[in-house]
């Protein structure tokens, strides 16, 4: 069994403060990779991180909050 952590569509929607339909749309269009396990879609943490990085407006400048993001990621 993979050691990856997975989230539901609801978890991702709540985290990003968007509608579940938006997350399902991203999955349907192939923008967000997900796994259908029969009871619903599951999104791996690394796939969500990759999706968010691909949709950044501009790269983060060195020293401008990057440490905060790394701290959250390590928690």
N, C-alpha and C. Protein backbone atom coordinates (compact mmCIF):
# COMPACT_ATOMS: atom_id res chain seq x y z
N UNK A 1 0.85 -1.19 0.00
CA UNK A 1 0.00 0.00 0.00
C UNK A 1 0.89 1.24 0.00
N UNK A 2 0.55 2.23 -0.83
CA UNK A 2 1.37 3.43 -0.92
C UNK A 2 1.38 4.20 0.40
N UNK A 3 2.51 4.87 0.66
CA UNK A 3 2.61 5.66 1.89
C UNK A 3 2.07 7.07 1.69
N UNK A 4 1.61 7.37 0.49
CA UNK A 4 1.06 8.69 0.17
C UNK A 4 -0.22 8.93 0.96
N UNK A 5 -0.45 10.18 1.34
CA UNK A 5 -1.68 10.55 2.03
C UNK A 5 -2.66 11.08 0.98
N UNK A 6 -3.94 10.73 1.14
CA UNK A 6 -4.97 11.10 0.18
C UNK A 6 -6.06 11.92 0.85
N UNK A 7 -6.69 12.79 0.06
CA UNK A 7 -7.78 13.62 0.54
C UNK A 7 -9.00 13.40 -0.35
N UNK A 8 -10.16 13.62 0.22
CA UNK A 8 -11.40 13.53 -0.56
C UNK A 8 -11.61 14.85 -1.31
N UNK A 9 -12.56 14.83 -2.23
CA UNK A 9 -12.93 16.05 -2.95
C UNK A 9 -13.38 17.11 -1.94
N UNK A 10 -14.15 16.71 -0.95
CA UNK A 10 -14.62 17.65 0.07
C UNK A 10 -13.46 18.25 0.85
N UNK A 11 -12.47 17.41 1.22
CA UNK A 11 -11.30 17.91 1.94
C UNK A 11 -10.57 18.99 1.14
N UNK A 12 -10.37 18.72 -0.15
CA UNK A 12 -9.66 19.68 -1.01
C UNK A 12 -10.49 20.95 -1.16
N UNK A 13 -11.78 20.82 -1.39
CA UNK A 13 -12.65 21.99 -1.53
C UNK A 13 -12.65 22.84 -0.26
N UNK A 14 -12.74 22.18 0.88
CA UNK A 14 -12.72 22.92 2.15
C UNK A 14 -11.38 23.63 2.34
N UNK A 15 -10.30 22.93 2.02
CA UNK A 15 -8.95 23.51 2.20
C UNK A 15 -8.77 24.75 1.32
N UNK A 16 -9.27 24.68 0.08
CA UNK A 16 -9.10 25.79 -0.85
C UNK A 16 -10.25 26.79 -0.80
N UNK A 17 -11.26 26.51 0.01
CA UNK A 17 -12.44 27.36 0.17
C UNK A 17 -13.13 27.59 -1.18
N UNK A 18 -13.41 26.48 -1.86
CA UNK A 18 -14.10 26.51 -3.15
C UNK A 18 -15.19 25.43 -3.12
N UNK A 19 -15.99 25.39 -4.16
CA UNK A 19 -17.07 24.40 -4.26
C UNK A 19 -16.50 23.04 -4.65
N UNK A 20 -17.13 21.98 -4.15
CA UNK A 20 -16.73 20.63 -4.52
C UNK A 20 -16.86 20.43 -6.02
N UNK A 21 -17.84 21.06 -6.65
CA UNK A 21 -18.03 20.95 -8.09
C UNK A 21 -16.81 21.45 -8.86
N UNK A 22 -16.14 22.46 -8.33
CA UNK A 22 -14.93 22.98 -8.97
C UNK A 22 -13.82 21.94 -8.95
N UNK A 23 -13.65 21.28 -7.82
CA UNK A 23 -12.63 20.23 -7.71
C UNK A 23 -12.96 19.09 -8.67
N UNK A 24 -14.22 18.69 -8.72
CA UNK A 24 -14.63 17.62 -9.64
C UNK A 24 -14.40 18.03 -11.10
N UNK A 25 -14.62 19.30 -11.41
CA UNK A 25 -14.37 19.80 -12.77
C UNK A 25 -12.88 19.68 -13.11
N UNK A 26 -12.01 20.06 -12.18
CA UNK A 26 -10.57 19.95 -12.42
C UNK A 26 -10.18 18.50 -12.67
N UNK A 27 -10.80 17.58 -11.92
CA UNK A 27 -10.52 16.15 -12.11
C UNK A 27 -11.01 15.70 -13.49
N UNK A 28 -12.24 16.09 -13.84
CA UNK A 28 -12.84 15.68 -15.11
C UNK A 28 -12.03 16.19 -16.30
N UNK A 29 -11.51 17.40 -16.22
CA UNK A 29 -10.74 17.98 -17.33
C UNK A 29 -9.30 17.50 -17.34
N UNK A 30 -8.88 16.79 -16.29
CA UNK A 30 -7.52 16.27 -16.25
C UNK A 30 -6.52 17.23 -15.65
N UNK A 31 -6.98 18.38 -15.17
CA UNK A 31 -6.06 19.33 -14.54
C UNK A 31 -5.54 18.83 -13.20
N UNK A 32 -6.39 18.12 -12.47
CA UNK A 32 -6.03 17.60 -11.15
C UNK A 32 -6.11 16.08 -11.20
N UNK A 33 -4.99 15.44 -10.93
CA UNK A 33 -4.93 13.98 -10.94
C UNK A 33 -5.63 13.44 -9.70
N UNK A 34 -6.46 12.42 -9.88
CA UNK A 34 -7.18 11.81 -8.77
C UNK A 34 -7.39 10.33 -9.05
N UNK A 35 -7.71 9.59 -8.00
CA UNK A 35 -7.93 8.15 -8.10
C UNK A 35 -9.37 7.87 -7.70
N UNK A 36 -10.09 7.12 -8.54
CA UNK A 36 -11.47 6.73 -8.24
C UNK A 36 -11.42 5.38 -7.53
N UNK A 37 -11.77 5.38 -6.23
CA UNK A 37 -11.70 4.13 -5.48
C UNK A 37 -13.07 3.48 -5.28
N UNK A 38 -14.06 3.95 -6.00
CA UNK A 38 -15.38 3.35 -5.90
C UNK A 38 -16.35 4.17 -5.07
N UNK A 39 -15.88 4.70 -3.95
CA UNK A 39 -16.75 5.53 -3.10
C UNK A 39 -16.49 7.01 -3.33
N UNK A 40 -15.73 7.32 -4.32
CA UNK A 40 -15.43 8.72 -4.61
C UNK A 40 -13.97 8.90 -4.98
N UNK A 41 -13.67 10.09 -5.39
CA UNK A 41 -12.31 10.42 -5.80
C UNK A 41 -11.42 10.68 -4.59
N UNK A 42 -10.16 10.31 -4.74
CA UNK A 42 -9.14 10.62 -3.73
C UNK A 42 -7.99 11.32 -4.44
N UNK A 43 -7.48 12.37 -3.81
CA UNK A 43 -6.41 13.17 -4.39
C UNK A 43 -5.19 13.05 -3.49
N UNK A 44 -4.07 12.63 -4.07
CA UNK A 44 -2.83 12.51 -3.31
C UNK A 44 -2.30 13.91 -3.00
N UNK A 45 -1.70 14.05 -1.81
CA UNK A 45 -1.15 15.34 -1.41
C UNK A 45 -0.16 15.87 -2.45
N UNK A 46 0.69 14.99 -2.97
CA UNK A 46 1.70 15.45 -3.94
C UNK A 46 1.04 15.92 -5.24
N UNK A 47 -0.08 15.30 -5.64
CA UNK A 47 -0.79 15.74 -6.84
C UNK A 47 -1.45 17.10 -6.64
N UNK A 48 -2.00 17.33 -5.46
CA UNK A 48 -2.59 18.64 -5.16
C UNK A 48 -1.49 19.70 -5.13
N UNK A 49 -0.35 19.39 -4.50
CA UNK A 49 0.76 20.35 -4.46
C UNK A 49 1.22 20.70 -5.87
N UNK A 50 1.35 19.70 -6.73
CA UNK A 50 1.77 19.93 -8.12
C UNK A 50 0.74 20.79 -8.85
N UNK A 51 -0.54 20.49 -8.68
CA UNK A 51 -1.61 21.28 -9.30
C UNK A 51 -1.51 22.74 -8.87
N UNK A 52 -1.34 22.97 -7.57
CA UNK A 52 -1.27 24.34 -7.06
C UNK A 52 -0.04 25.06 -7.60
N UNK A 53 1.09 24.38 -7.67
CA UNK A 53 2.31 25.00 -8.22
C UNK A 53 2.13 25.36 -9.69
N UNK A 54 1.47 24.48 -10.46
CA UNK A 54 1.25 24.76 -11.89
C UNK A 54 0.33 25.96 -12.09
N UNK A 55 -0.48 26.27 -11.11
CA UNK A 55 -1.44 27.36 -11.26
C UNK A 55 -1.05 28.63 -10.49
N UNK A 56 0.18 28.69 -10.05
CA UNK A 56 0.66 29.92 -9.39
C UNK A 56 0.70 31.04 -10.42
N UNK A 57 0.44 32.25 -9.96
CA UNK A 57 0.50 33.39 -10.86
C UNK A 57 1.94 33.82 -11.11
N UNK A 58 2.74 33.84 -10.07
CA UNK A 58 4.17 34.18 -10.20
C UNK A 58 4.96 33.34 -9.22
N UNK A 59 6.22 33.05 -9.52
CA UNK A 59 7.04 32.31 -8.56
C UNK A 59 7.22 33.11 -7.28
N UNK A 60 7.35 32.40 -6.17
CA UNK A 60 7.58 33.03 -4.88
C UNK A 60 9.01 33.53 -4.83
N UNK A 61 9.22 34.75 -4.38
CA UNK A 61 10.56 35.30 -4.26
C UNK A 61 11.25 34.72 -3.05
N UNK A 62 12.54 34.54 -3.13
CA UNK A 62 13.32 33.98 -2.03
C UNK A 62 13.16 34.84 -0.78
N UNK A 63 12.84 34.18 0.33
CA UNK A 63 12.73 34.88 1.60
C UNK A 63 11.40 35.57 1.83
N UNK A 64 10.45 35.43 0.93
CA UNK A 64 9.17 36.13 1.10
C UNK A 64 8.05 35.16 1.47
N UNK A 65 8.22 34.50 2.60
CA UNK A 65 7.18 33.61 3.07
C UNK A 65 7.45 32.15 2.75
N UNK A 66 8.53 31.88 2.04
CA UNK A 66 8.83 30.50 1.68
C UNK A 66 9.04 29.64 2.92
N UNK A 67 9.65 30.19 3.95
CA UNK A 67 9.88 29.43 5.18
C UNK A 67 8.56 29.05 5.83
N UNK A 68 7.58 29.94 5.75
CA UNK A 68 6.27 29.63 6.32
C UNK A 68 5.63 28.45 5.61
N UNK A 69 5.73 28.40 4.29
CA UNK A 69 5.16 27.29 3.54
C UNK A 69 5.89 26.00 3.86
N UNK A 70 7.19 26.04 3.96
CA UNK A 70 7.95 24.83 4.30
C UNK A 70 7.62 24.35 5.70
N UNK A 71 7.41 25.29 6.62
CA UNK A 71 7.04 24.93 7.99
C UNK A 71 5.70 24.21 7.99
N UNK A 72 4.71 24.73 7.24
CA UNK A 72 3.39 24.10 7.15
C UNK A 72 3.50 22.71 6.51
N UNK A 73 4.35 22.57 5.51
CA UNK A 73 4.49 21.31 4.78
C UNK A 73 5.09 20.25 5.69
N UNK A 74 6.02 20.65 6.59
CA UNK A 74 6.68 19.70 7.47
C UNK A 74 5.79 19.26 8.62
N UNK A 75 4.75 20.03 8.92
CA UNK A 75 3.86 19.72 10.06
C UNK A 75 2.98 18.55 9.78
